[in-house]
Amino acid sequence: ELYKMAGLSNLEVLKTATGNAAKAFDLPIGEIKKGSKATFVLL
């Protein structure tokens, strides 16, 4: 919610919670791609 206050788009906010973590920490987390674990949320 605070990132939304900062003016980030919904897409950019969602990236902070998912793919940005994979980029930052170089861990198999926060992304969905062929070969990754089938770990995800169905909304």
ModelCIF file with pLDDT and N, C-alpha, C, O atoms, coordinates in Angstrom:
data_MODEL
#
_entry.id   MODEL 
#
_entity.id                         1 
_entity.type                       polymer 
_entity.pdbx_number_of_molecules   1 
#
_entity_poly.entity_id                      1 
_entity_poly.type                           'polypeptide(L)' 
_entity_poly.nstd_linkage                   no 
_entity_poly.nstd_monomer                   no 
_entity_poly.pdbx_seq_one_letter_code       ELYKMAGLSNLEVLKTATGNAAKAFDLPIGEIKKGSKATFVLL 
_entity_poly.pdbx_seq_one_letter_code_can   ELYKMAGLSNLEVLKTATGNAAKAFDLPIGEIKKGSKATFVLL 
_entity_poly.pdbx_strand_id                 A 
#
loop_
_entity_poly_seq.entity_id 
_entity_poly_seq.num 
_entity_poly_seq.mon_id 
_entity_poly_seq.hetero 
1 1  GLU n 
1 2  LEU n 
1 3  TYR n 
1 4  LYS n 
1 5  MET n 
1 6  ALA n 
1 7  GLY n 
1 8  LEU n 
1 9  SER n 
1 10 ASN n 
1 11 LEU n 
1 12 GLU n 
1 13 VAL n 
1 14 LEU n 
1 15 LYS n 
1 16 THR n 
1 17 ALA n 
1 18 THR n 
1 19 GLY n 
1 20 ASN n 
1 21 ALA n 
1 22 ALA n 
1 23 LYS n 
1 24 ALA n 
1 25 PHE n 
1 26 ASP n 
1 27 LEU n 
1 28 PRO n 
1 29 ILE n 
1 30 GLY n 
1 31 GLU n 
1 32 ILE n 
1 33 LYS n 
1 34 LYS n 
1 35 GLY n 
1 36 SER n 
1 37 LYS n 
1 38 ALA n 
1 39 THR n 
1 40 PHE n 
1 41 VAL n 
1 42 LEU n 
1 43 LEU n 
#
_struct_asym.id          A 
_struct_asym.entity_id   1 
#
loop_
_ma_qa_metric.id 
_ma_qa_metric.mode 
_ma_qa_metric.name 
_ma_qa_metric.software_group_id 
_ma_qa_metric.type 
1 global pLDDT . pLDDT 
2 local  pLDDT . pLDDT 
#
_ma_qa_metric_global.metric_id      1 
_ma_qa_metric_global.metric_value   97.88 
_ma_qa_metric_global.model_id       1 
_ma_qa_metric_global.ordinal_id     1 
#
loop_
_ma_qa_metric_local.label_asym_id 
_ma_qa_metric_local.label_comp_id 
_ma_qa_metric_local.label_seq_id 
_ma_qa_metric_local.metric_id 
_ma_qa_metric_local.metric_value 
_ma_qa_metric_local.model_id 
_ma_qa_metric_local.ordinal_id 
A GLU 1  2 98.00 1 1  
A LEU 2  2 98.00 1 2  
A TYR 3  2 98.00 1 3  
A LYS 4  2 98.00 1 4  
A MET 5  2 97.00 1 5  
A ALA 6  2 98.00 1 6  
A GLY 7  2 98.00 1 7  
A LEU 8  2 98.00 1 8  
A SER 9  2 98.00 1 9  
A ASN 10 2 98.00 1 10 
A LEU 11 2 98.00 1 11 
A GLU 12 2 98.00 1 12 
A VAL 13 2 98.00 1 13 
A LEU 14 2 98.00 1 14 
A LYS 15 2 98.00 1 15 
A THR 16 2 98.00 1 16 
A ALA 17 2 98.00 1 17 
A THR 18 2 98.00 1 18 
A GLY 19 2 98.00 1 19 
A ASN 20 2 98.00 1 20 
A ALA 21 2 98.00 1 21 
A ALA 22 2 98.00 1 22 
A LYS 23 2 98.00 1 23 
A ALA 24 2 98.00 1 24 
A PHE 25 2 98.00 1 25 
A ASP 26 2 98.00 1 26 
A LEU 27 2 98.00 1 27 
A PRO 28 2 97.00 1 28 
A ILE 29 2 98.00 1 29 
A GLY 30 2 98.00 1 30 
A GLU 31 2 98.00 1 31 
A ILE 32 2 98.00 1 32 
A LYS 33 2 98.00 1 33 
A LYS 34 2 98.00 1 34 
A GLY 35 2 97.00 1 35 
A SER 36 2 97.00 1 36 
A LYS 37 2 97.00 1 37 
A ALA 38 2 98.00 1 38 
A THR 39 2 98.00 1 39 
A PHE 40 2 98.00 1 40 
A VAL 41 2 98.00 1 41 
A LEU 42 2 98.00 1 42 
A LEU 43 2 98.00 1 43 
#
loop_
_atom_site.group_PDB 
_atom_site.id 
_atom_site.type_symbol 
_atom_site.label_atom_id 
_atom_site.label_alt_id 
_atom_site.label_comp_id 
_atom_site.label_asym_id 
_atom_site.label_entity_id 
_atom_site.label_seq_id 
_atom_site.pdbx_PDB_ins_code 
_atom_site.Cartn_x 
_atom_site.Cartn_y 
_atom_site.Cartn_z 
_atom_site.occupancy 
_atom_site.B_iso_or_equiv 
_atom_site.pdbx_formal_charge 
_atom_site.auth_seq_id 
_atom_site.auth_comp_id 
_atom_site.auth_asym_id 
_atom_site.auth_atom_id 
_atom_site.pdbx_PDB_model_num 
ATOM 1   N N  . GLU A 1 1  ? 0.836  -1.213  0.000   1.00 98.00 ? 1  GLU A N  1 
ATOM 2   C CA . GLU A 1 1  ? 0.000  0.000   0.000   1.00 98.00 ? 1  GLU A CA 1 
ATOM 3   C C  . GLU A 1 1  ? 0.867  1.258   0.000   1.00 98.00 ? 1  GLU A C  1 
ATOM 4   O O  . GLU A 1 1  ? 0.531  2.250   -0.645  1.00 98.00 ? 1  GLU A O  1 
ATOM 5   N N  . LEU A 1 2  ? 1.975  1.210   0.721   1.00 98.00 ? 2  LEU A N  1 
ATOM 6   C CA . LEU A 1 2  ? 2.850  2.381   0.765   1.00 98.00 ? 2  LEU A CA 1 
ATOM 7   C C  . LEU A 1 2  ? 3.508  2.619   -0.597  1.00 98.00 ? 2  LEU A C  1 
ATOM 8   O O  . LEU A 1 2  ? 3.733  3.765   -0.987  1.00 98.00 ? 2  LEU A O  1 
ATOM 9   N N  . TYR A 1 3  ? 3.817  1.536   -1.318  1.00 98.00 ? 3  TYR A N  1 
ATOM 10  C CA . TYR A 1 3  ? 4.376  1.701   -2.664  1.00 98.00 ? 3  TYR A CA 1 
ATOM 11  C C  . TYR A 1 3  ? 3.351  2.341   -3.602  1.00 98.00 ? 3  TYR A C  1 
ATOM 12  O O  . TYR A 1 3  ? 3.706  3.120   -4.488  1.00 98.00 ? 3  TYR A O  1 
ATOM 13  N N  . LYS A 1 4  ? 2.085  2.004   -3.397  1.00 98.00 ? 4  LYS A N  1 
ATOM 14  C CA . LYS A 1 4  ? 1.034  2.674   -4.175  1.00 98.00 ? 4  LYS A CA 1 
ATOM 15  C C  . LYS A 1 4  ? 0.979  4.156   -3.830  1.00 98.00 ? 4  LYS A C  1 
ATOM 16  O O  . LYS A 1 4  ? 0.795  4.993   -4.713  1.00 98.00 ? 4  LYS A O  1 
ATOM 17  N N  . MET A 1 5  ? 1.137  4.485   -2.550  1.00 97.00 ? 5  MET A N  1 
ATOM 18  C CA . MET A 1 5  ? 1.198  5.888   -2.147  1.00 97.00 ? 5  MET A CA 1 
ATOM 19  C C  . MET A 1 5  ? 2.332  6.612   -2.866  1.00 97.00 ? 5  MET A C  1 
ATOM 20  O O  . MET A 1 5  ? 2.237  7.803   -3.161  1.00 97.00 ? 5  MET A O  1 
ATOM 21  N N  . ALA A 1 6  ? 3.399  5.876   -3.140  1.00 98.00 ? 6  ALA A N  1 
ATOM 22  C CA . ALA A 1 6  ? 4.566  6.465   -3.813  1.00 98.00 ? 6  ALA A CA 1 
ATOM 23  C C  . ALA A 1 6  ? 4.344  6.648   -5.305  1.00 98.00 ? 6  ALA A C  1 
ATOM 24  O O  . ALA A 1 6  ? 5.191  7.223   -5.987  1.00 98.00 ? 6  ALA A O  1 
ATOM 25  N N  . GLY A 1 7  ? 3.227  6.170   -5.819  1.00 98.00 ? 7  GLY A N  1 
ATOM 26  C CA . GLY A 1 7  ? 2.910  6.372   -7.221  1.00 98.00 ? 7  GLY A CA 1 
ATOM 27  C C  . GLY A 1 7  ? 3.291  5.231   -8.145  1.00 98.00 ? 7  GLY A C  1 
ATOM 28  O O  . GLY A 1 7  ? 3.180  5.362   -9.364  1.00 98.00 ? 7  GLY A O  1 
ATOM 29  N N  . LEU A 1 8  ? 3.741  4.108   -7.587  1.00 98.00 ? 8  LEU A N  1 
ATOM 30  C CA . LEU A 1 8  ? 4.066  2.965   -8.431  1.00 98.00 ? 8  LEU A CA 1 
ATOM 31  C C  . LEU A 1 8  ? 2.776  2.374   -9.013  1.00 98.00 ? 8  LEU A C  1 
ATOM 32  O O  . LEU A 1 8  ? 1.746  2.329   -8.342  1.00 98.00 ? 8  LEU A O  1 
ATOM 33  N N  . SER A 1 9  ? 2.848  1.926   -10.261 1.00 98.00 ? 9  SER A N  1 
ATOM 34  C CA . SER A 1 9  ? 1.702  1.265   -10.885 1.00 98.00 ? 9  SER A CA 1 
ATOM 35  C C  . SER A 1 9  ? 1.473  -0.091  -10.227 1.00 98.00 ? 9  SER A C  1 
ATOM 36  O O  . SER A 1 9  ? 2.346  -0.612  -9.533  1.00 98.00 ? 9  SER A O  1 
ATOM 37  N N  . ASN A 1 10 ? 0.297  -0.651  -10.452 1.00 98.00 ? 10 ASN A N  1 
ATOM 38  C CA . ASN A 1 10 ? 0.016  -1.977  -9.900  1.00 98.00 ? 10 ASN A CA 1 
ATOM 39  C C  . ASN A 1 10 ? 1.035  -3.002  -10.392 1.00 98.00 ? 10 ASN A C  1 
ATOM 40  O O  . ASN A 1 10 ? 1.451  -3.874  -9.629  1.00 98.00 ? 10 ASN A O  1 
ATOM 41  N N  . LEU A 1 11 ? 1.437  -2.906  -11.653 1.00 98.00 ? 11 LEU A N  1 
ATOM 42  C CA . LEU A 1 11 ? 2.432  -3.828  -12.202 1.00 98.00 ? 11 LEU A CA 1 
ATOM 43  C C  . LEU A 1 11 ? 3.757  -3.686  -11.463 1.00 98.00 ? 11 LEU A C  1 
ATOM 44  O O  . LEU A 1 11 ? 4.369  -4.687  -11.090 1.00 98.00 ? 11 LEU A O  1 
ATOM 45  N N  . GLU A 1 12 ? 4.202  -2.457  -11.250 1.00 98.00 ? 12 GLU A N  1 
ATOM 46  C CA . GLU A 1 12 ? 5.479  -2.236  -10.573 1.00 98.00 ? 12 GLU A CA 1 
ATOM 47  C C  . GLU A 1 12 ? 5.421  -2.675  -9.110  1.00 98.00 ? 12 GLU A C  1 
ATOM 48  O O  . GLU A 1 12 ? 6.399  -3.204  -8.581  1.00 98.00 ? 12 GLU A O  1 
ATOM 49  N N  . VAL A 1 13 ? 4.287  -2.459  -8.460  1.00 98.00 ? 13 VAL A N  1 
ATOM 50  C CA . VAL A 1 13 ? 4.145  -2.922  -7.074  1.00 98.00 ? 13 VAL A CA 1 
ATOM 51  C C  . VAL A 1 13 ? 4.240  -4.440  -7.024  1.00 98.00 ? 13 VAL A C  1 
ATOM 52  O O  . VAL A 1 13 ? 4.914  -5.002  -6.161  1.00 98.00 ? 13 VAL A O  1 
ATOM 53  N N  . LEU A 1 14 ? 3.558  -5.098  -7.956  1.00 98.00 ? 14 LEU A N  1 
ATOM 54  C CA . LEU A 1 14 ? 3.574  -6.562  -7.961  1.00 98.00 ? 14 LEU A CA 1 
ATOM 55  C C  . LEU A 1 14 ? 4.975  -7.095  -8.255  1.00 98.00 ? 14 LEU A C  1 
ATOM 56  O O  . LEU A 1 14 ? 5.353  -8.148  -7.741  1.00 98.00 ? 14 LEU A O  1 
ATOM 57  N N  . LYS A 1 15 ? 5.741  -6.392  -9.065  1.00 98.00 ? 15 LYS A N  1 
ATOM 58  C CA . LYS A 1 15 ? 7.132  -6.799  -9.332  1.00 98.00 ? 15 LYS A CA 1 
ATOM 59  C C  . LYS A 1 15 ? 7.979  -6.741  -8.060  1.00 98.00 ? 15 LYS A C  1 
ATOM 60  O O  . LYS A 1 15 ? 8.841  -7.594  -7.850  1.00 98.00 ? 15 LYS A O  1 
ATOM 61  N N  . THR A 1 16 ? 7.737  -5.734  -7.206  1.00 98.00 ? 16 THR A N  1 
ATOM 62  C CA . THR A 1 16 ? 8.516  -5.654  -5.957  1.00 98.00 ? 16 THR A CA 1 
ATOM 63  C C  . THR A 1 16 ? 8.284  -6.881  -5.093  1.00 98.00 ? 16 THR A C  1 
ATOM 64  O O  . THR A 1 16 ? 9.156  -7.283  -4.324  1.00 98.00 ? 16 THR A O  1 
ATOM 65  N N  . ALA A 1 17 ? 7.095  -7.477  -5.224  1.00 98.00 ? 17 ALA A N  1 
ATOM 66  C CA . ALA A 1 17 ? 6.709  -8.609  -4.378  1.00 98.00 ? 17 ALA A CA 1 
ATOM 67  C C  . ALA A 1 17 ? 7.048  -9.954  -5.000  1.00 98.00 ? 17 ALA A C  1 
ATOM 68  O O  . ALA A 1 17 ? 6.846  -10.995 -4.375  1.00 98.00 ? 17 ALA A O  1 
ATOM 69  N N  . THR A 1 18 ? 7.572  -9.943  -6.249  1.00 98.00 ? 18 THR A N  1 
ATOM 70  C CA . THR A 1 18 ? 7.806  -11.205 -6.945  1.00 98.00 ? 18 THR A CA 1 
ATOM 71  C C  . THR A 1 18 ? 9.146  -11.193 -7.678  1.00 98.00 ? 18 THR A C  1 
ATOM 72  O O  . THR A 1 18 ? 10.178 -11.520 -7.093  1.00 98.00 ? 18 THR A O  1 
ATOM 73  N N  . GLY A 1 19 ? 9.133  -10.819 -8.953  1.00 98.00 ? 19 GLY A N  1 
ATOM 74  C CA . GLY A 1 19 ? 10.319 -10.921 -9.781  1.00 98.00 ? 19 GLY A CA 1 
ATOM 75  C C  . GLY A 1 19 ? 11.510 -10.101 -9.315  1.00 98.00 ? 19 GLY A C  1 
ATOM 76  O O  . GLY A 1 19 ? 12.652 -10.515 -9.510  1.00 98.00 ? 19 GLY A O  1 
ATOM 77  N N  . ASN A 1 20 ? 11.268 -8.949  -8.706  1.00 98.00 ? 20 ASN A N  1 
ATOM 78  C CA . ASN A 1 20 ? 12.396 -8.146  -8.214  1.00 98.00 ? 20 ASN A CA 1 
ATOM 79  C C  . ASN A 1 20 ? 13.204 -8.899  -7.163  1.00 98.00 ? 20 ASN A C  1 
ATOM 80  O O  . ASN A 1 20 ? 14.420 -8.731  -7.072  1.00 98.00 ? 20 ASN A O  1 
ATOM 81  N N  . ALA A 1 21 ? 12.526 -9.731  -6.369  1.00 98.00 ? 21 ALA A N  1 
ATOM 82  C CA . ALA A 1 21 ? 13.237 -10.519 -5.353  1.00 98.00 ? 21 ALA A CA 1 
ATOM 83  C C  . ALA A 1 21 ? 14.158 -11.537 -6.011  1.00 98.00 ? 21 ALA A C  1 
ATOM 84  O O  . ALA A 1 21 ? 15.277 -11.758 -5.548  1.00 98.00 ? 21 ALA A O  1 
ATOM 85  N N  . ALA A 1 22 ? 13.685 -12.162 -7.103  1.00 98.00 ? 22 ALA A N  1 
ATOM 86  C CA . ALA A 1 22 ? 14.524 -13.120 -7.827  1.00 98.00 ? 22 ALA A CA 1 
ATOM 87  C C  . ALA A 1 22 ? 15.754 -12.435 -8.395  1.00 98.00 ? 22 ALA A C  1 
ATOM 88  O O  . ALA A 1 22 ? 16.858 -12.974 -8.322  1.00 98.00 ? 22 ALA A O  1 
ATOM 89  N N  . LYS A 1 23 ? 15.568 -11.242 -8.963  1.00 98.00 ? 23 LYS A N  1 
ATOM 90  C CA . LYS A 1 23 ? 16.693 -10.476 -9.503  1.00 98.00 ? 23 LYS A CA 1 
ATOM 91  C C  . LYS A 1 23 ? 17.677 -10.084 -8.411  1.00 98.00 ? 23 LYS A C  1 
ATOM 92  O O  . LYS A 1 23 ? 18.887 -10.243 -8.566  1.00 98.00 ? 23 LYS A O  1 
ATOM 93  N N  . ALA A 1 24 ? 17.151 -9.575  -7.316  1.00 98.00 ? 24 ALA A N  1 
ATOM 94  C CA . ALA A 1 24 ? 18.003 -9.025  -6.254  1.00 98.00 ? 24 ALA A CA 1 
ATOM 95  C C  . ALA A 1 24 ? 18.822 -10.109 -5.573  1.00 98.00 ? 24 ALA A C  1 
ATOM 96  O O  . ALA A 1 24 ? 20.019 -9.931  -5.352  1.00 98.00 ? 24 ALA A O  1 
ATOM 97  N N  . PHE A 1 25 ? 18.198 -11.221 -5.241  1.00 98.00 ? 25 PHE A N  1 
ATOM 98  C CA . PHE A 1 25 ? 18.856 -12.243 -4.426  1.00 98.00 ? 25 PHE A CA 1 
ATOM 99  C C  . PHE A 1 25 ? 19.371 -13.434 -5.238  1.00 98.00 ? 25 PHE A C  1 
ATOM 100 O O  . PHE A 1 25 ? 20.040 -14.316 -4.700  1.00 98.00 ? 25 PHE A O  1 
ATOM 101 N N  . ASP A 1 26 ? 19.057 -13.454 -6.525  1.00 98.00 ? 26 ASP A N  1 
ATOM 102 C CA . ASP A 1 26 ? 19.491 -14.550 -7.391  1.00 98.00 ? 26 ASP A CA 1 
ATOM 103 C C  . ASP A 1 26 ? 19.096 -15.899 -6.795  1.00 98.00 ? 26 ASP A C  1 
ATOM 104 O O  . ASP A 1 26 ? 19.904 -16.823 -6.702  1.00 98.00 ? 26 ASP A O  1 
ATOM 105 N N  . LEU A 1 27 ? 17.822 -15.979 -6.394  1.00 98.00 ? 27 LEU A N  1 
ATOM 106 C CA . LEU A 1 27 ? 17.257 -17.195 -5.823  1.00 98.00 ? 27 LEU A CA 1 
ATOM 107 C C  . LEU A 1 27 ? 16.061 -17.637 -6.675  1.00 98.00 ? 27 LEU A C  1 
ATOM 108 O O  . LEU A 1 27 ? 15.463 -16.805 -7.357  1.00 98.00 ? 27 LEU A O  1 
ATOM 109 N N  . PRO A 1 28 ? 15.703 -18.918 -6.651  1.00 97.00 ? 28 PRO A N  1 
ATOM 110 C CA . PRO A 1 28 ? 14.570 -19.404 -7.446  1.00 97.00 ? 28 PRO A CA 1 
ATOM 111 C C  . PRO A 1 28 ? 13.237 -19.092 -6.783  1.00 97.00 ? 28 PRO A C  1 
ATOM 112 O O  . PRO A 1 28 ? 12.524 -19.992 -6.338  1.00 97.00 ? 28 PRO A O  1 
ATOM 113 N N  . ILE A 1 29 ? 12.911 -17.810 -6.722  1.00 98.00 ? 29 ILE A N  1 
ATOM 114 C CA . ILE A 1 29 ? 11.732 -17.334 -6.010  1.00 98.00 ? 29 ILE A CA 1 
ATOM 115 C C  . ILE A 1 29 ? 11.042 -16.268 -6.853  1.00 98.00 ? 29 ILE A C  1 
ATOM 116 O O  . ILE A 1 29 ? 11.673 -15.644 -7.706  1.00 98.00 ? 29 ILE A O  1 
ATOM 117 N N  . GLY A 1 30 ? 9.744  -16.057 -6.618  1.00 98.00 ? 30 GLY A N  1 
ATOM 118 C CA . GLY A 1 30 ? 9.063  -14.893 -7.160  1.00 98.00 ? 30 GLY A CA 1 
ATOM 119 C C  . GLY A 1 30 ? 8.910  -14.839 -8.665  1.00 98.00 ? 30 GLY A C  1 
ATOM 120 O O  . GLY A 1 30 ? 8.644  -13.766 -9.207  1.00 98.00 ? 30 GLY A O  1 
ATOM 121 N N  . GLU A 1 31 ? 9.067  -15.955 -9.363  1.00 98.00 ? 31 GLU A N  1 
ATOM 122 C CA . GLU A 1 31 ? 8.893  -15.937 -10.809 1.00 98.00 ? 31 GLU A CA 1 
ATOM 123 C C  . GLU A 1 31 ? 8.317  -17.269 -11.273 1.00 98.00 ? 31 GLU A C  1 
ATOM 124 O O  . GLU A 1 31 ? 8.455  -18.299 -10.614 1.00 98.00 ? 31 GLU A O  1 
ATOM 125 N N  . ILE A 1 32 ? 7.669  -17.210 -12.432 1.00 98.00 ? 32 ILE A N  1 
ATOM 126 C CA . ILE A 1 32 ? 7.089  -18.401 -13.043 1.00 98.00 ? 32 ILE A CA 1 
ATOM 127 C C  . ILE A 1 32 ? 7.671  -18.520 -14.444 1.00 98.00 ? 32 ILE A C  1 
ATOM 128 O O  . ILE A 1 32 ? 7.542  -17.605 -15.258 1.00 98.00 ? 32 ILE A O  1 
ATOM 129 N N  . LYS A 1 33 ? 8.304  -19.635 -14.717 1.00 98.00 ? 33 LYS A N  1 
ATOM 130 C CA . LYS A 1 33 ? 8.875  -19.876 -16.038 1.00 98.00 ? 33 LYS A CA 1 
ATOM 131 C C  . LYS A 1 33 ? 8.991  -21.378 -16.242 1.00 98.00 ? 33 LYS A C  1 
ATOM 132 O O  . LYS A 1 33 ? 8.903  -22.152 -15.289 1.00 98.00 ? 33 LYS A O  1 
ATOM 133 N N  . LYS A 1 34 ? 9.187  -21.778 -17.477 1.00 98.00 ? 34 LYS A N  1 
ATOM 134 C CA . LYS A 1 34 ? 9.376  -23.188 -17.764 1.00 98.00 ? 34 LYS A CA 1 
ATOM 135 C C  . LYS A 1 34 ? 10.592 -23.701 -17.004 1.00 98.00 ? 34 LYS A C  1 
ATOM 136 O O  . LYS A 1 34 ? 11.673 -23.115 -17.067 1.00 98.00 ? 34 LYS A O  1 
ATOM 137 N N  . GLY A 1 35 ? 10.400 -24.803 -16.285 1.00 97.00 ? 35 GLY A N  1 
ATOM 138 C CA . GLY A 1 35 ? 11.479 -25.386 -15.501 1.00 97.00 ? 35 GLY A CA 1 
ATOM 139 C C  . GLY A 1 35 ? 11.470 -24.984 -14.040 1.00 97.00 ? 35 GLY A C  1 
ATOM 140 O O  . GLY A 1 35 ? 12.168 -25.593 -13.228 1.00 97.00 ? 35 GLY A O  1 
ATOM 141 N N  . SER A 1 36 ? 10.687 -23.963 -13.689 1.00 97.00 ? 36 SER A N  1 
ATOM 142 C CA . SER A 1 36 ? 10.610 -23.563 -12.283 1.00 97.00 ? 36 SER A CA 1 
ATOM 143 C C  . SER A 1 36 ? 9.621  -24.455 -11.541 1.00 97.00 ? 36 SER A C  1 
ATOM 144 O O  . SER A 1 36 ? 8.798  -25.132 -12.157 1.00 97.00 ? 36 SER A O  1 
ATOM 145 N N  . LYS A 1 37 ? 9.710  -24.447 -10.221 1.00 97.00 ? 37 LYS A N  1 
ATOM 146 C CA . LYS A 1 37 ? 8.758  -25.210 -9.411  1.00 97.00 ? 37 LYS A CA 1 
ATOM 147 C C  . LYS A 1 37 ? 7.339  -24.688 -9.658  1.00 97.00 ? 37 LYS A C  1 
ATOM 148 O O  . LYS A 1 37 ? 7.133  -23.488 -9.842  1.00 97.00 ? 37 LYS A O  1 
ATOM 149 N N  . ALA A 1 38 ? 6.384  -25.586 -9.658  1.00 98.00 ? 38 ALA A N  1 
ATOM 150 C CA . ALA A 1 38 ? 4.987  -25.201 -9.826  1.00 98.00 ? 38 ALA A CA 1 
ATOM 151 C C  . ALA A 1 38 ? 4.449  -24.692 -8.500  1.00 98.00 ? 38 ALA A C  1 
ATOM 152 O O  . ALA A 1 38 ? 3.606  -25.318 -7.859  1.00 98.00 ? 38 ALA A O  1 
ATOM 153 N N  . THR A 1 39 ? 4.971  -23.521 -8.109  1.00 98.00 ? 39 THR A N  1 
ATOM 154 C CA . THR A 1 39 ? 4.603  -22.862 -6.856  1.00 98.00 ? 39 THR A CA 1 
ATOM 155 C C  . THR A 1 39 ? 4.065  -21.487 -7.210  1.00 98.00 ? 39 THR A C  1 
ATOM 156 O O  . THR A 1 39 ? 4.808  -20.622 -7.675  1.00 98.00 ? 39 THR A O  1 
ATOM 157 N N  . PHE A 1 40 ? 2.769  -21.287 -6.989  1.00 98.00 ? 40 PHE A N  1 
ATOM 158 C CA . PHE A 1 40 ? 2.153  -20.036 -7.426  1.00 98.00 ? 40 PHE A CA 1 
ATOM 159 C C  . PHE A 1 40 ? 0.810  -19.853 -6.731  1.00 98.00 ? 40 PHE A C  1 
ATOM 160 O O  . PHE A 1 40 ? 0.348  -20.716 -5.985  1.00 98.00 ? 40 PHE A O  1 
ATOM 161 N N  . VAL A 1 41 ? 0.203  -18.711 -6.995  1.00 98.00 ? 41 VAL A N  1 
ATOM 162 C CA . VAL A 1 41 ? -1.103 -18.375 -6.424  1.00 98.00 ? 41 VAL A CA 1 
ATOM 163 C C  . VAL A 1 41 ? -2.099 -18.224 -7.563  1.00 98.00 ? 41 VAL A C  1 
ATOM 164 O O  . VAL A 1 41 ? -1.837 -17.512 -8.532  1.00 98.00 ? 41 VAL A O  1 
ATOM 165 N N  . LEU A 1 42 ? -3.221 -18.883 -7.449  1.00 98.00 ? 42 LEU A N  1 
ATOM 166 C CA . LEU A 1 42 ? -4.309 -18.731 -8.414  1.00 98.00 ? 42 LEU A CA 1 
ATOM 167 C C  . LEU A 1 42 ? -5.352 -17.800 -7.793  1.00 98.00 ? 42 LEU A C  1 
ATOM 168 O O  . LEU A 1 42 ? -6.020 -18.144 -6.818  1.00 98.00 ? 42 LEU A O  1 
ATOM 169 N N  . LEU A 1 43 ? -5.467 -16.625 -8.381  1.00 98.00 ? 43 LEU A N  1 
ATOM 170 C CA . LEU A 1 43 ? -6.376 -15.606 -7.868  1.00 98.00 ? 43 LEU A CA 1 
ATOM 171 C C  . LEU A 1 43 ? -7.701 -15.643 -8.626  1.00 98.00 ? 43 LEU A C  1 
ATOM 172 O O  . LEU A 1 43 ? -8.601 -14.855 -8.336  1.00 98.00 ? 43 LEU A O  1 
#
